[in-house]
C-alpha cells in the first residue's frame, strides 16, 4: 500500500482528492478513529 502524501496544495480539488483516497484506504484497513488520525498525520508535508 502506498498512501498519498499531502503537500499543502492550495487547490481545493487536490486536497479533496487526497482526503478521499486516505479515507478509502483507512476504511479498507478497518482503522479506529484514533488510528485514522495517527495514520493521516504522518502523510502531511
C-alpha atoms as a PDB file:
ATOM      1  CA  UNK A   1       0.000   0.000   0.000  1.00  0.00           C
ATOM      2  CA  UNK A   2       1.380   3.372  -0.974  1.00  0.00           C
ATOM      3  CA  UNK A   3      -0.551   6.157   0.807  1.00  0.00           C
ATOM      4  CA  UNK A   4      -0.622   9.533  -0.924  1.00  0.00           C
ATOM      5  CA  UNK A   5       1.305  12.410   0.636  1.00  0.00           C
ATOM      6  CA  UNK A   6      -0.420  15.764   1.134  1.00  0.00           C
ATOM      7  CA  UNK A   7       1.997  18.566   0.358  1.00  0.00           C
ATOM      8  CA  UNK A   8      -0.170  21.530   1.313  1.00  0.00           C
ATOM      9  CA  UNK A   9      -1.605  22.340  -2.094  1.00  0.00           C
ATOM     10  CA  UNK A  10      -3.962  25.279  -2.239  1.00  0.00           C
ATOM     11  CA  UNK A  11      -6.158  23.687  -4.873  1.00  0.00           C
ATOM     12  CA  UNK A  12      -9.371  22.510  -3.187  1.00  0.00           C
ATOM     13  CA  UNK A  13      -9.808  19.635  -5.639  1.00  0.00           C
ATOM     14  CA  UNK A  14      -6.327  18.262  -4.877  1.00  0.00           C
ATOM     15  CA  UNK A  15      -6.967  18.425  -1.135  1.00  0.00           C
ATOM     16  CA  UNK A  16     -10.362  16.800  -1.581  1.00  0.00           C
ATOM     17  CA  UNK A  17      -8.882  14.013  -3.712  1.00  0.00           C
ATOM     18  CA  UNK A  18      -6.179  13.356  -1.086  1.00  0.00           C
ATOM     19  CA  UNK A  19      -8.796  13.185   1.663  1.00  0.00           C
ATOM     20  CA  UNK A  20     -10.982  10.821  -0.360  1.00  0.00           C
ATOM     21  CA  UNK A  21      -8.043   8.486  -1.081  1.00  0.00           C
ATOM     22  CA  UNK A  22      -6.949   8.462   2.573  1.00  0.00           C
ATOM     23  CA  UNK A  23     -10.485   7.760   3.808  1.00  0.00           C
ATOM     24  CA  UNK A  24     -10.837   4.930   1.306  1.00  0.00           C
ATOM     25  CA  UNK A  25      -7.570   3.318   2.412  1.00  0.00           C
ATOM     26  CA  UNK A  26      -8.403   3.643   6.105  1.00  0.00           C
ATOM     27  CA  UNK A  27     -11.805   2.088   5.529  1.00  0.00           C
ATOM     28  CA  UNK A  28     -10.152  -0.861   3.774  1.00  0.00           C
ATOM     29  CA  UNK A  29      -7.804  -1.262   6.757  1.00  0.00           C
ATOM     30  CA  UNK A  30     -10.706  -1.044   9.252  1.00  0.00           C
ATOM     31  CA  UNK A  31      -8.922   1.650  11.298  1.00  0.00           C
ATOM     32  CA  UNK A  32     -10.271   3.032  14.557  1.00  0.00           C
ATOM     33  CA  UNK A  33     -10.787   6.833  14.729  1.00  0.00           C
ATOM     34  CA  UNK A  34      -7.548   7.199  16.718  1.00  0.00           C
ATOM     35  CA  UNK A  35      -5.622   5.138  14.181  1.00  0.00           C
ATOM     36  CA  UNK A  36      -7.046   7.264  11.358  1.00  0.00           C
ATOM     37  CA  UNK A  37      -5.678  10.459  12.918  1.00  0.00           C
ATOM     38  CA  UNK A  38      -2.270   8.921  13.570  1.00  0.00           C
ATOM     39  CA  UNK A  39      -2.081   7.433  10.087  1.00  0.00           C
ATOM     40  CA  UNK A  40      -3.214  10.574   8.239  1.00  0.00           C
ATOM     41  CA  UNK A  41      -0.943  13.000  10.101  1.00  0.00           C
ATOM     42  CA  UNK A  42       2.118  11.014   9.059  1.00  0.00           C
ATOM     43  CA  UNK A  43       1.422  11.918   5.436  1.00  0.00           C
ATOM     44  CA  UNK A  44       1.277  15.713   5.801  1.00  0.00           C
ATOM     45  CA  UNK A  45       4.310  17.521   4.380  1.00  0.00           C
END
